[in-house]
Amino acid sequence: MTSLPRLALVGSGSMGANHARVIAESDAAELALIVDVDLERARPLAERYGCHYAGDLSAASPCDAAVLATPTRLHAAQALDLLSLGLPLLVEKPVAPEPADTRAVVEESARRSLPLMCGFVERFNPAVTTAAAMLEGPPVHLLGVRHSPPTTQSTLSVVGDLLIHEIDLALRYWRGLGVDHVAAAVSQAGTDVAQVSDCSLSFRGGGIATLSASRTSQRKLRTQHIATGEALYEVDLLRQDLTVYRHRAH
């Protein structure tokens, strides 16, 4: 009988707790270890799911792969350390705050021939995968809205926190077509980091994506309107619901 891959989870905060639950509930992997410098935070999570815990990344060495869910400012250095242990790696988005650091992580994974993934969970939303499969060609227009109520926990810009998902999905809907032009605006809304950002992407060969992200909303919104020459696809990512409209003149 083949044993399950043993995963190390690095980070036991709110996102780490989500990963711990998903791994523990999976039939395809085993949560073997939780790593966090704060052992008092890691201990109850490890006890809940019946795994080991440690305060140093080197403890992950015997595992088969790792999930990195620590604060973004720590990602680059910790990702490089985990890759040096020979571990395939899933990093919560964004991979790193700076493009140069992100490239360094990607290049190191390629140099070591180790799989590297980023936590773009919306790629696997059933409404998204269905809409993408139904598209006859590149969209004419995408309107994406990703708004959330205010939070005091995040120290990450709304661009790297929320807007990054909409940009990723837009690139997937346009299936590799290059971007001609980017226009963006951000607002800190009285805080130290950007809380509101709107972005417009124009793609080669035509098509525009208008994307909006906010952490100042009074309710959570995750919607997309994808317009093609033949149909309008209305995607509700929270309800995982897809409605298709096709106009037929009498």
C-alpha atoms as a PDB file:
ATOM      1  CA  MET A   1       0.000   0.000   0.000  1.00  0.00           C
ATOM      2  CA  THR A   2       1.456   3.357  -1.057  1.00  0.00           C
ATOM      3  CA  SER A   3       1.892   5.840   1.790  1.00  0.00           C
ATOM      4  CA  LEU A   4       0.438   9.318   1.446  1.00  0.00           C
ATOM      5  CA  PRO A   5       2.718  12.309   0.768  1.00  0.00           C
ATOM      6  CA  ARG A   6       3.717  13.910   4.075  1.00  0.00           C
ATOM      7  CA  LEU A   7       3.232  17.685   4.018  1.00  0.00           C
ATOM      8  CA  ALA A   8       4.837  20.322   6.189  1.00  0.00           C
ATOM      9  CA  LEU A   9       2.786  23.463   6.799  1.00  0.00           C
ATOM     10  CA  VAL A  10       4.813  26.581   7.580  1.00  0.00           C
ATOM     11  CA  GLY A  11       2.722  29.203   9.369  1.00  0.00           C
ATOM     12  CA  SER A  12      -0.143  28.641  11.798  1.00  0.00           C
ATOM     13  CA  GLY A  13      -2.028  31.925  11.459  1.00  0.00           C
ATOM     14  CA  SER A  14      -5.497  32.289   9.938  1.00  0.00           C
ATOM     15  CA  MET A  15      -4.418  31.222   6.445  1.00  0.00           C
ATOM     16  CA  GLY A  16      -2.239  28.467   7.859  1.00  0.00           C
ATOM     17  CA  ALA A  17      -5.212  27.161   9.837  1.00  0.00           C
ATOM     18  CA  ASN A  18      -7.223  26.963   6.606  1.00  0.00           C
ATOM     19  CA  HIS A  19      -4.455  24.976   4.928  1.00  0.00           C
ATOM     20  CA  ALA A  20      -4.167  22.681   7.958  1.00  0.00           C
ATOM     21  CA  ARG A  21      -7.873  21.867   7.801  1.00  0.00           C
ATOM     22  CA  VAL A  22      -7.849  21.199   4.054  1.00  0.00           C
ATOM     23  CA  ILE A  23      -4.742  18.992   4.197  1.00  0.00           C
ATOM     24  CA  ALA A  24      -6.051  17.067   7.206  1.00  0.00           C
ATOM     25  CA  GLU A  25      -9.379  16.435   5.451  1.00  0.00           C
ATOM     26  CA  SER A  26      -7.716  15.316   2.214  1.00  0.00           C
ATOM     27  CA  ASP A  27      -7.510  11.661   1.223  1.00  0.00           C
ATOM     28  CA  ALA A  28      -4.470  12.437  -0.952  1.00  0.00           C
ATOM     29  CA  ALA A  29      -2.015  13.778   1.638  1.00  0.00           C
ATOM     30  CA  GLU A  30      -1.045  13.676   5.299  1.00  0.00           C
ATOM     31  CA  LEU A  31      -0.455  16.725   7.473  1.00  0.00           C
ATOM     32  CA  ALA A  32       2.796  15.642   9.135  1.00  0.00           C
ATOM     33  CA  LEU A  33       4.190  18.843  10.616  1.00  0.00           C
ATOM     34  CA  ILE A  34       3.344  22.459  11.442  1.00  0.00           C
ATOM     35  CA  VAL A  35       6.266  24.902  11.660  1.00  0.00           C
ATOM     36  CA  ASP A  36       5.948  28.269  13.398  1.00  0.00           C
ATOM     37  CA  VAL A  37       8.382  30.336  15.441  1.00  0.00           C
ATOM     38  CA  ASP A  38       5.491  30.867  17.886  1.00  0.00           C
ATOM     39  CA  LEU A  39       5.208  27.370  19.353  1.00  0.00           C
ATOM     40  CA  GLU A  40       2.311  28.373  21.574  1.00  0.00           C
ATOM     41  CA  ARG A  41       0.304  29.195  18.452  1.00  0.00           C
ATOM     42  CA  ALA A  42       1.415  26.088  16.560  1.00  0.00           C
ATOM     43  CA  ARG A  43       0.754  23.640  19.407  1.00  0.00           C
ATOM     44  CA  PRO A  44      -3.076  23.782  19.570  1.00  0.00           C
ATOM     45  CA  LEU A  45      -3.370  23.586  15.771  1.00  0.00           C
ATOM     46  CA  ALA A  46      -1.046  20.561  15.676  1.00  0.00           C
ATOM     47  CA  GLU A  47      -2.948  18.905  18.516  1.00  0.00           C
ATOM     48  CA  ARG A  48      -6.252  19.495  16.719  1.00  0.00           C
ATOM     49  CA  TYR A  49      -5.071  17.577  13.655  1.00  0.00           C
ATOM     50  CA  GLY A  50      -2.778  15.073  15.362  1.00  0.00           C
ATOM     51  CA  CYS A  51       0.552  16.092  13.837  1.00  0.00           C
ATOM     52  CA  HIS A  52       3.984  17.222  15.030  1.00  0.00           C
ATOM     53  CA  TYR A  53       5.031  20.850  15.418  1.00  0.00           C
ATOM     54  CA  ALA A  54       8.369  22.649  15.452  1.00  0.00           C
ATOM     55  CA  GLY A  55       9.865  26.123  15.478  1.00  0.00           C
ATOM     56  CA  ASP A  56      12.531  25.699  12.789  1.00  0.00           C
ATOM     57  CA  LEU A  57      12.222  25.113   9.035  1.00  0.00           C
ATOM     58  CA  SER A  58      14.851  22.371   9.130  1.00  0.00           C
ATOM     59  CA  ALA A  59      12.294  20.123  10.838  1.00  0.00           C
ATOM     60  CA  ALA A  60      10.488  19.923   7.473  1.00  0.00           C
ATOM     61  CA  SER A  61      13.395  18.088   5.845  1.00  0.00           C
ATOM     62  CA  PRO A  62      11.908  14.554   6.174  1.00  0.00           C
ATOM     63  CA  CYS A  63       8.609  15.656   4.567  1.00  0.00           C
ATOM     64  CA  ASP A  64       7.683  15.198   0.906  1.00  0.00           C
ATOM     65  CA  ALA A  65       6.457  18.762   0.207  1.00  0.00           C
ATOM     66  CA  ALA A  66       5.636  21.994   1.997  1.00  0.00           C
ATOM     67  CA  VAL A  67       2.968  24.702   2.105  1.00  0.00           C
ATOM     68  CA  LEU A  68       4.172  28.211   2.993  1.00  0.00           C
ATOM     69  CA  ALA A  69       1.509  30.381   4.650  1.00  0.00           C
ATOM     70  CA  THR A  70       3.489  32.916   6.687  1.00  0.00           C
ATOM     71  CA  PRO A  71       3.306  36.733   6.335  1.00  0.00           C
ATOM     72  CA  THR A  72       4.254  37.842   2.817  1.00  0.00           C
ATOM     73  CA  ARG A  73       7.384  39.696   3.938  1.00  0.00           C
ATOM     74  CA  LEU A  74       8.877  36.329   5.005  1.00  0.00           C
ATOM     75  CA  HIS A  75       8.002  34.371   1.865  1.00  0.00           C
ATOM     76  CA  ALA A  76      11.117  34.867  -0.252  1.00  0.00           C
ATOM     77  CA  ALA A  77      13.712  33.811   2.332  1.00  0.00           C
ATOM     78  CA  GLN A  78      11.603  30.944   3.664  1.00  0.00           C
ATOM     79  CA  ALA A  79      10.734  29.695   0.184  1.00  0.00           C
ATOM     80  CA  LEU A  80      14.404  29.565  -0.739  1.00  0.00           C
ATOM     81  CA  ASP A  81      15.173  27.683   2.490  1.00  0.00           C
ATOM     82  CA  LEU A  82      12.437  25.117   1.829  1.00  0.00           C
ATOM     83  CA  LEU A  83      13.581  24.622  -1.761  1.00  0.00           C
ATOM     84  CA  SER A  84      17.126  24.083  -0.456  1.00  0.00           C
ATOM     85  CA  LEU A  85      15.712  21.161   1.544  1.00  0.00           C
ATOM     86  CA  GLY A  86      14.525  19.632  -1.746  1.00  0.00           C
ATOM     87  CA  LEU A  87      10.818  20.182  -1.047  1.00  0.00           C
ATOM     88  CA  PRO A  88       8.197  20.870  -3.735  1.00  0.00           C
ATOM     89  CA  LEU A  89       6.430  24.009  -2.567  1.00  0.00           C
ATOM     90  CA  LEU A  90       3.077  25.760  -2.539  1.00  0.00           C
ATOM     91  CA  VAL A  91       3.412  29.440  -1.550  1.00  0.00           C
ATOM     92  CA  GLU A  92       0.427  31.541  -0.562  1.00  0.00           C
ATOM     93  CA  LYS A  93      -0.001  34.527  -2.872  1.00  0.00           C
ATOM     94  CA  PRO A  94       1.847  36.657  -3.524  1.00  0.00           C
ATOM     95  CA  VAL A  95       5.084  34.689  -3.756  1.00  0.00           C
ATOM     96  CA  ALA A  96       7.012  37.761  -2.561  1.00  0.00           C
ATOM     97  CA  PRO A  97       6.395  41.514  -2.205  1.00  0.00           C
ATOM     98  CA  GLU A  98       9.031  42.432  -4.818  1.00  0.00           C
ATOM     99  CA  PRO A  99       9.240  41.103  -8.410  1.00  0.00           C
ATOM    100  CA  ALA A 100      12.984  40.476  -8.079  1.00  0.00           C
ATOM    101  CA  ASP A 101      12.443  38.239  -5.052  1.00  0.00           C
ATOM    102  CA  THR A 102       9.659  36.391  -6.842  1.00  0.00           C
ATOM    103  CA  ARG A 103      11.942  35.760  -9.817  1.00  0.00           C
ATOM    104  CA  ALA A 104      14.660  34.473  -7.485  1.00  0.00           C
ATOM    105  CA  VAL A 105      12.270  31.909  -5.988  1.00  0.00           C
ATOM    106  CA  VAL A 106      11.011  30.824  -9.418  1.00  0.00           C
ATOM    107  CA  GLU A 107      14.562  30.508 -10.758  1.00  0.00           C
ATOM    108  CA  GLU A 108      15.686  28.476  -7.739  1.00  0.00           C
ATOM    109  CA  SER A 109      12.781  26.051  -8.145  1.00  0.00           C
ATOM    110  CA  ALA A 110      13.661  25.633 -11.828  1.00  0.00           C
ATOM    111  CA  ARG A 111      17.362  25.153 -11.024  1.00  0.00           C
ATOM    112  CA  ARG A 112      16.492  22.378  -8.588  1.00  0.00           C
ATOM    113  CA  SER A 113      13.716  20.942 -10.824  1.00  0.00           C
ATOM    114  CA  LEU A 114      11.255  21.278  -7.951  1.00  0.00           C
ATOM    115  CA  PRO A 115       7.549  22.034  -8.464  1.00  0.00           C
ATOM    116  CA  LEU A 116       6.526  25.519  -7.299  1.00  0.00           C
ATOM    117  CA  MET A 117       2.920  26.709  -7.083  1.00  0.00           C
ATOM    118  CA  CYS A 118       1.249  29.890  -5.899  1.00  0.00           C
ATOM    119  CA  GLY A 119      -2.029  29.826  -3.967  1.00  0.00           C
ATOM    120  CA  PHE A 120      -4.399  31.077  -6.671  1.00  0.00           C
ATOM    121  CA  VAL A 121      -7.358  29.128  -5.303  1.00  0.00           C
ATOM    122  CA  GLU A 122      -9.900  30.908  -7.536  1.00  0.00           C
ATOM    123  CA  ARG A 123      -8.453  29.097 -10.566  1.00  0.00           C
ATOM    124  CA  PHE A 124     -10.204  25.995  -9.248  1.00  0.00           C
ATOM    125  CA  ASN A 125     -13.554  27.635  -8.455  1.00  0.00           C
ATOM    126  CA  PRO A 126     -16.129  25.520 -10.370  1.00  0.00           C
ATOM    127  CA  ALA A 127     -17.846  28.638 -11.735  1.00  0.00           C
ATOM    128  CA  VAL A 128     -14.514  29.901 -13.104  1.00  0.00           C
ATOM    129  CA  THR A 129     -13.460  26.606 -14.682  1.00  0.00           C
ATOM    130  CA  THR A 130     -16.898  26.198 -16.279  1.00  0.00           C
ATOM    131  CA  ALA A 131     -16.939  29.741 -17.666  1.00  0.00           C
ATOM    132  CA  ALA A 132     -13.391  29.397 -19.030  1.00  0.00           C
ATOM    133  CA  ALA A 133     -14.300  26.121 -20.751  1.00  0.00           C
ATOM    134  CA  MET A 134     -17.379  27.702 -22.365  1.00  0.00           C
ATOM    135  CA  LEU A 135     -15.607  30.715 -23.834  1.00  0.00           C
ATOM    136  CA  GLU A 136     -15.503  30.453 -27.627  1.00  0.00           C
ATOM    137  CA  GLY A 137     -12.522  32.811 -27.769  1.00  0.00           C
ATOM    138  CA  PRO A 138     -10.956  35.770 -25.943  1.00  0.00           C
ATOM    139  CA  PRO A 139     -13.520  38.019 -24.208  1.00  0.00           C
ATOM    140  CA  VAL A 140     -14.441  41.458 -25.480  1.00  0.00           C
ATOM    141  CA  HIS A 141     -14.719  42.796 -21.933  1.00  0.00           C
ATOM    142  CA  LEU A 142     -14.310  41.528 -18.376  1.00  0.00           C
ATOM    143  CA  LEU A 143     -15.664  43.390 -15.370  1.00  0.00           C
ATOM    144  CA  GLY A 144     -14.290  41.902 -12.147  1.00  0.00           C
ATOM    145  CA  VAL A 145     -15.284  43.100  -8.670  1.00  0.00           C
ATOM    146  CA  ARG A 146     -13.576  41.775  -5.522  1.00  0.00           C
ATOM    147  CA  HIS A 147     -14.635  43.846  -2.508  1.00  0.00           C
ATOM    148  CA  SER A 148     -14.435  43.021   1.195  1.00  0.00           C
ATOM    149  CA  PRO A 149     -15.300  44.738   4.486  1.00  0.00           C
ATOM    150  CA  PRO A 150     -12.470  46.522   6.312  1.00  0.00           C
ATOM    151  CA  THR A 151      -9.904  44.397   8.128  1.00  0.00           C
ATOM    152  CA  THR A 152      -7.281  45.428  10.654  1.00  0.00           C
ATOM    153  CA  GLN A 153      -5.258  42.223  10.219  1.00  0.00           C
ATOM    154  CA  SER A 154      -3.750  42.633   6.762  1.00  0.00           C
ATOM    155  CA  THR A 155      -0.536  44.596   6.312  1.00  0.00           C
ATOM    156  CA  LEU A 156      -0.471  43.695   2.610  1.00  0.00           C
ATOM    157  CA  SER A 157      -1.622  46.049  -0.128  1.00  0.00           C
ATOM    158  CA  VAL A 158      -5.068  45.281  -1.534  1.00  0.00           C
ATOM    159  CA  VAL A 159      -3.280  44.757  -4.864  1.00  0.00           C
ATOM    160  CA  GLY A 160      -1.324  41.755  -3.572  1.00  0.00           C
ATOM    161  CA  ASP A 161      -4.211  40.580  -1.401  1.00  0.00           C
ATOM    162  CA  LEU A 162      -7.322  40.817  -3.623  1.00  0.00           C
ATOM    163  CA  LEU A 163      -6.644  42.417  -7.008  1.00  0.00           C
ATOM    164  CA  ILE A 164      -4.000  39.806  -7.796  1.00  0.00           C
ATOM    165  CA  HIS A 165      -6.753  37.170  -8.110  1.00  0.00           C
ATOM    166  CA  GLU A 166      -8.660  39.229 -10.677  1.00  0.00           C
ATOM    167  CA  ILE A 167      -5.509  39.887 -12.704  1.00  0.00           C
ATOM    168  CA  ASP A 168      -4.663  36.178 -12.658  1.00  0.00           C
ATOM    169  CA  LEU A 169      -8.133  35.172 -13.865  1.00  0.00           C
ATOM    170  CA  ALA A 170      -8.141  37.845 -16.586  1.00  0.00           C
ATOM    171  CA  LEU A 171      -4.867  36.478 -17.954  1.00  0.00           C
ATOM    172  CA  ARG A 172      -6.372  32.994 -17.979  1.00  0.00           C
ATOM    173  CA  TYR A 173      -9.557  34.088 -19.773  1.00  0.00           C
ATOM    174  CA  TRP A 174      -7.441  35.728 -22.490  1.00  0.00           C
ATOM    175  CA  ARG A 175      -5.409  32.494 -22.765  1.00  0.00           C
ATOM    176  CA  GLY A 176      -1.904  33.828 -23.031  1.00  0.00           C
ATOM    177  CA  LEU A 177      -2.546  36.898 -25.161  1.00  0.00           C
ATOM    178  CA  GLY A 178      -0.133  39.644 -24.167  1.00  0.00           C
ATOM    179  CA  VAL A 179      -1.149  42.835 -22.374  1.00  0.00           C
ATOM    180  CA  ASP A 180      -0.747  46.041 -24.379  1.00  0.00           C
ATOM    181  CA  HIS A 181      -1.475  48.586 -21.681  1.00  0.00           C
ATOM    182  CA  VAL A 182      -2.061  48.758 -17.925  1.00  0.00           C
ATOM    183  CA  ALA A 183      -3.705  51.644 -16.083  1.00  0.00           C
ATOM    184  CA  ALA A 184      -4.170  51.520 -12.322  1.00  0.00           C
ATOM    185  CA  ALA A 185      -5.068  53.705  -9.361  1.00  0.00           C
ATOM    186  CA  VAL A 186      -4.799  53.019  -5.641  1.00  0.00           C
ATOM    187  CA  SER A 187      -6.057  54.683  -2.469  1.00  0.00           C
ATOM    188  CA  GLN A 188      -4.840  54.141   1.061  1.00  0.00           C
ATOM    189  CA  ALA A 189      -8.176  55.303   2.470  1.00  0.00           C
ATOM    190  CA  GLY A 190      -6.559  56.744   5.586  1.00  0.00           C
ATOM    191  CA  THR A 191      -4.311  53.748   6.353  1.00  0.00           C
ATOM    192  CA  ASP A 192      -0.655  52.855   5.871  1.00  0.00           C
ATOM    193  CA  VAL A 193      -1.261  50.455   2.956  1.00  0.00           C
ATOM    194  CA  ALA A 194      -3.444  50.581  -0.176  1.00  0.00           C
ATOM    195  CA  GLN A 195      -7.038  49.598   0.564  1.00  0.00           C
ATOM    196  CA  VAL A 196      -8.702  50.348  -2.803  1.00  0.00           C
ATOM    197  CA  SER A 197      -7.387  49.713  -6.301  1.00  0.00           C
ATOM    198  CA  ASP A 198      -8.916  49.784  -9.764  1.00  0.00           C
ATOM    199  CA  CYS A 199      -7.043  48.464 -12.774  1.00  0.00           C
ATOM    200  CA  SER A 200      -7.632  48.343 -16.516  1.00  0.00           C
ATOM    201  CA  LEU A 201      -5.809  45.915 -18.825  1.00  0.00           C
ATOM    202  CA  SER A 202      -5.983  46.087 -22.613  1.00  0.00           C
ATOM    203  CA  PHE A 203      -4.981  42.923 -24.461  1.00  0.00           C
ATOM    204  CA  ARG A 204      -3.289  42.453 -27.815  1.00  0.00           C
ATOM    205  CA  GLY A 205      -5.862  41.710 -30.474  1.00  0.00           C
ATOM    206  CA  GLY A 206      -8.593  43.564 -28.559  1.00  0.00           C
ATOM    207  CA  GLY A 207     -10.384  43.160 -25.285  1.00  0.00           C
ATOM    208  CA  ILE A 208     -10.357  45.063 -22.015  1.00  0.00           C
ATOM    209  CA  ALA A 209     -10.442  43.890 -18.401  1.00  0.00           C
ATOM    210  CA  THR A 210     -11.773  46.365 -15.832  1.00  0.00           C
ATOM    211  CA  LEU A 211     -10.886  45.123 -12.354  1.00  0.00           C
ATOM    212  CA  SER A 212     -11.782  46.530  -8.946  1.00  0.00           C
ATOM    213  CA  ALA A 213     -10.565  45.516  -5.483  1.00  0.00           C
ATOM    214  CA  SER A 214     -11.440  47.081  -2.153  1.00  0.00           C
ATOM    215  CA  ARG A 215     -11.174  46.444   1.565  1.00  0.00           C
ATOM    216  CA  THR A 216     -13.543  49.305   2.416  1.00  0.00           C
ATOM    217  CA  SER A 217     -16.838  47.707   1.355  1.00  0.00           C
ATOM    218  CA  GLN A 218     -19.853  47.107   3.565  1.00  0.00           C
ATOM    219  CA  ARG A 219     -20.259  43.588   2.199  1.00  0.00           C
ATOM    220  CA  LYS A 220     -18.233  40.892   0.491  1.00  0.00           C
ATOM    221  CA  LEU A 221     -18.502  40.812  -3.308  1.00  0.00           C
ATOM    222  CA  ARG A 222     -16.853  38.401  -5.742  1.00  0.00           C
ATOM    223  CA  THR A 223     -18.426  38.852  -9.175  1.00  0.00           C
ATOM    224  CA  GLN A 224     -17.350  38.786 -12.803  1.00  0.00           C
ATOM    225  CA  HIS A 225     -19.141  39.723 -16.021  1.00  0.00           C
ATOM    226  CA  ILE A 226     -17.402  38.216 -19.056  1.00  0.00           C
ATOM    227  CA  ALA A 227     -18.676  39.561 -22.378  1.00  0.00           C
ATOM    228  CA  THR A 228     -17.972  37.912 -25.724  1.00  0.00           C
ATOM    229  CA  GLY A 229     -19.503  38.562 -29.121  1.00  0.00           C
ATOM    230  CA  GLU A 230     -22.012  35.765 -28.532  1.00  0.00           C
ATOM    231  CA  ALA A 231     -22.829  35.753 -24.815  1.00  0.00           C
ATOM    232  CA  LEU A 232     -22.504  37.342 -21.376  1.00  0.00           C
ATOM    233  CA  TYR A 233     -21.212  35.091 -18.614  1.00  0.00           C
ATOM    234  CA  GLU A 234     -22.189  36.255 -15.134  1.00  0.00           C
ATOM    235  CA  VAL A 235     -19.987  34.589 -12.520  1.00  0.00           C
ATOM    236  CA  ASP A 236     -20.687  34.631  -8.776  1.00  0.00           C
ATOM    237  CA  LEU A 237     -17.510  33.264  -7.191  1.00  0.00           C
ATOM    238  CA  LEU A 238     -18.956  33.170  -3.670  1.00  0.00           C
ATOM    239  CA  ARG A 239     -22.003  31.096  -4.617  1.00  0.00           C
ATOM    240  CA  GLN A 240     -19.974  29.272  -7.287  1.00  0.00           C
ATOM    241  CA  ASP A 241     -22.779  30.068  -9.700  1.00  0.00           C
ATOM    242  CA  LEU A 242     -22.684  30.807 -13.448  1.00  0.00           C
ATOM    243  CA  THR A 243     -25.461  32.378 -15.545  1.00  0.00           C
ATOM    244  CA  VAL A 244     -25.166  32.719 -19.331  1.00  0.00           C
ATOM    245  CA  TYR A 245     -27.138  35.345 -21.265  1.00  0.00           C
ATOM    246  CA  ARG A 246     -27.581  35.217 -25.045  1.00  0.00           C
ATOM    247  CA  HIS A 247     -29.566  37.973 -26.786  1.00  0.00           C
ATOM    248  CA  ARG A 248     -31.922  36.815 -29.518  1.00  0.00           C
ATOM    249  CA  ALA A 249     -33.701  39.566 -31.470  1.00  0.00           C
ATOM    250  CA  HIS A 250     -37.223  38.817 -32.727  1.00  0.00           C
END
